Structures are given as C-alpha cells and as structure tokens.
N, C-alpha and C. Protein backbone atom coordinates (compact mmCIF):
# COMPACT_ATOMS: atom_id res chain seq x y z
N PHE A 1 -49.05 -94.45 112.51
CA PHE A 1 -49.98 -95.27 112.11
C PHE A 1 -49.77 -96.62 111.51
N GLY A 2 -49.94 -97.68 111.68
CA GLY A 2 -49.97 -98.85 110.89
C GLY A 2 -50.26 -98.74 109.68
N GLU A 3 -50.68 -100.16 109.35
CA GLU A 3 -51.32 -100.58 107.29
C GLU A 3 -52.47 -100.59 107.74
N GLN A 4 -53.50 -99.94 108.96
CA GLN A 4 -54.74 -100.12 108.86
C GLN A 4 -55.26 -98.89 109.94
N LEU A 5 -55.69 -97.82 109.34
CA LEU A 5 -55.91 -96.88 110.10
C LEU A 5 -57.44 -97.05 111.30
N THR A 6 -57.12 -96.61 112.81
CA THR A 6 -57.87 -96.97 113.84
C THR A 6 -58.53 -95.50 113.75
N LEU A 7 -59.17 -95.62 115.30
CA LEU A 7 -60.21 -94.71 115.46
C LEU A 7 -59.00 -93.58 116.78
N VAL A 8 -57.87 -94.21 116.93
CA VAL A 8 -56.71 -94.24 118.24
C VAL A 8 -56.39 -93.11 116.64
N ASP A 9 -56.06 -93.62 115.96
CA ASP A 9 -55.10 -92.29 114.60
C ASP A 9 -55.74 -91.39 114.31
N CYS A 10 -57.31 -91.56 114.12
CA CYS A 10 -57.91 -89.81 113.93
C CYS A 10 -58.08 -89.22 115.38
N TYR A 11 -58.25 -89.92 116.11
CA TYR A 11 -58.46 -89.15 117.72
C TYR A 11 -57.05 -88.31 117.89
N LEU A 12 -55.55 -88.88 117.35
CA LEU A 12 -54.66 -87.79 117.85
C LEU A 12 -54.45 -87.08 116.78
N CYS A 13 -55.27 -87.12 115.60
CA CYS A 13 -55.86 -85.14 115.11
C CYS A 13 -56.77 -84.84 115.27
N THR A 14 -57.45 -85.17 116.43
CA THR A 14 -58.10 -84.13 117.05
C THR A 14 -57.93 -83.67 118.15
N MET A 15 -57.01 -84.84 118.51
CA MET A 15 -56.19 -84.00 120.03
C MET A 15 -55.47 -83.18 120.22
N ARG A 16 -54.92 -83.02 119.03
CA ARG A 16 -53.75 -81.82 119.31
C ARG A 16 -54.07 -80.61 118.73
N THR A 17 -55.40 -80.56 118.38
CA THR A 17 -55.99 -79.11 118.31
C THR A 17 -56.24 -78.66 119.21
N TRP A 18 -56.54 -79.40 120.22
CA TRP A 18 -56.53 -78.79 121.46
C TRP A 18 -55.16 -78.52 122.35
N TRP A 19 -56.08 -77.44 123.49
CA TRP A 19 -54.70 -76.95 124.15
C TRP A 19 -53.74 -78.22 124.84
N PRO A 20 -52.52 -78.06 124.21
CA PRO A 20 -51.76 -76.54 124.60
C PRO A 20 -51.26 -76.25 122.92
N GLY A 21 -52.17 -77.30 122.34
CA GLY A 21 -51.65 -76.76 120.60
C GLY A 21 -50.50 -77.56 119.72
N HIS A 22 -51.35 -76.97 118.10
CA HIS A 22 -49.69 -78.52 117.76
C HIS A 22 -48.19 -78.26 118.08
N GLU A 23 -48.15 -76.87 117.94
CA GLU A 23 -46.52 -76.46 118.31
C GLU A 23 -45.68 -77.43 119.60
N TRP A 24 -46.50 -77.32 120.56
CA TRP A 24 -46.16 -78.10 122.09
C TRP A 24 -46.87 -79.55 121.30
N PHE A 25 -47.36 -80.38 120.72
CA PHE A 25 -47.38 -82.18 120.60
C PHE A 25 -46.00 -81.74 119.35
N GLN A 26 -45.54 -80.69 118.23
CA GLN A 26 -44.32 -80.63 117.70
C GLN A 26 -43.09 -80.99 118.14
N ASP A 27 -43.52 -79.49 119.31
CA ASP A 27 -41.44 -79.93 120.66
C ASP A 27 -42.17 -80.96 121.23
N ASN A 28 -43.01 -82.11 121.69
CA ASN A 28 -43.12 -82.33 122.91
C ASN A 28 -43.32 -83.81 122.87
N ALA A 29 -44.30 -84.06 121.41
CA ALA A 29 -44.61 -85.48 120.98
C ALA A 29 -44.48 -85.69 119.95
N GLN A 30 -43.40 -85.72 119.80
CA GLN A 30 -42.94 -85.59 118.45
C GLN A 30 -43.67 -87.01 117.98
N ASN A 31 -44.17 -88.46 118.48
CA ASN A 31 -44.10 -89.59 117.65
C ASN A 31 -46.11 -89.29 117.48
N ILE A 32 -46.25 -88.44 118.06
CA ILE A 32 -47.86 -88.20 118.49
C ILE A 32 -48.31 -87.24 117.13
N SER A 33 -47.32 -86.57 117.03
CA SER A 33 -47.52 -85.08 115.81
C SER A 33 -47.04 -86.21 114.37
N ALA A 34 -46.35 -86.95 114.31
CA ALA A 34 -46.20 -87.05 113.26
C ALA A 34 -47.41 -88.58 112.99
N ILE A 35 -47.45 -88.74 113.76
CA ILE A 35 -48.73 -90.05 113.46
C ILE A 35 -50.22 -89.12 113.06
N ALA A 36 -50.40 -87.98 113.69
CA ALA A 36 -51.14 -86.93 112.94
C ALA A 36 -51.52 -85.66 112.25
N ASP A 37 -49.93 -85.69 111.70
CA ASP A 37 -49.82 -85.43 110.70
C ASP A 37 -49.99 -86.81 109.56
N ALA A 38 -49.17 -87.82 109.61
CA ALA A 38 -49.99 -88.76 107.97
C ALA A 38 -51.06 -89.48 108.26
N VAL A 39 -51.90 -89.17 109.29
CA VAL A 39 -53.18 -89.28 109.85
C VAL A 39 -53.91 -87.86 108.46
N CYS A 40 -53.81 -86.87 108.67
CA CYS A 40 -54.05 -85.93 108.22
C CYS A 40 -54.32 -85.92 106.93
N GLN A 41 -52.53 -85.96 106.19
CA GLN A 41 -52.63 -86.40 104.72
C GLN A 41 -53.57 -87.58 104.09
N LEU A 42 -54.32 -88.18 104.49
CA LEU A 42 -54.98 -89.18 103.65
C LEU A 42 -55.91 -88.97 103.05
N PRO A 43 -55.95 -88.61 101.75
CA PRO A 43 -57.33 -88.18 100.76
C PRO A 43 -58.56 -88.37 101.26
N LYS A 44 -58.77 -89.61 101.62
CA LYS A 44 -60.75 -89.70 102.44
C LYS A 44 -60.57 -89.58 103.66
N LEU A 45 -59.62 -88.37 103.96
CA LEU A 45 -60.49 -87.83 105.46
C LEU A 45 -60.01 -86.04 105.28
N GLN A 46 -59.92 -85.52 103.88
CA GLN A 46 -59.64 -84.38 103.54
C GLN A 46 -60.89 -83.87 104.33
N GLU A 47 -62.21 -84.09 103.18
CA GLU A 47 -63.15 -83.64 103.32
C GLU A 47 -63.41 -83.07 105.23
N VAL A 48 -63.82 -84.61 105.72
CA VAL A 48 -64.39 -84.27 107.31
C VAL A 48 -63.43 -83.51 108.13
N LEU A 49 -62.27 -83.36 107.88
CA LEU A 49 -60.74 -82.83 108.50
C LEU A 49 -61.04 -81.48 108.59
N LYS A 50 -61.63 -81.20 107.00
CA LYS A 50 -60.96 -79.38 106.98
C LYS A 50 -62.48 -79.12 107.39
N ARG A 51 -63.73 -79.56 106.74
CA ARG A 51 -65.35 -79.33 107.68
C ARG A 51 -64.65 -78.87 108.95
N ASN A 52 -63.89 -79.66 110.00
CA ASN A 52 -64.53 -79.93 111.11
C ASN A 52 -62.71 -79.17 111.88
N GLU A 53 -62.44 -78.28 111.17
CA GLU A 53 -61.56 -76.87 110.94
C GLU A 53 -59.85 -78.32 112.31
N ILE A 54 -59.95 -78.96 111.51
CA ILE A 54 -59.05 -79.61 112.03
C ILE A 54 -57.21 -80.14 111.33
N ILE A 55 -57.55 -79.65 110.23
CA ILE A 55 -56.79 -78.75 109.08
C ILE A 55 -57.33 -77.74 108.70
C-alpha cells in the first residue's frame, strides 16, 4: 500500500481469505499478498481484523 491506507488495501486483506486462500495468493499473486500482509500488521486495524477472523 502507499502513504495513505485506502479501501482497496483493506479489501485485499479480506479477499485473500476467500477461495482459493492465503497460500494461492502467496504463490500466484505475490504483490497482493504483500500488500495484505502489510495492511494486516497495522495496529489500528488489529481489533477489527481479529474480530472478523481475517487474522
């Protein structure tokens, strides 16, 4: 993601939890997986991501 968090960044975190799953995104869409990993590490999103079983 860039300097400012966007809705698309958050969507990528959710999207990779759907079929075909995390492993597929790591193997076949490394850029998407890297963005989602970075967004999932943001402290301000931890509570909502955990509550929704995204992390």
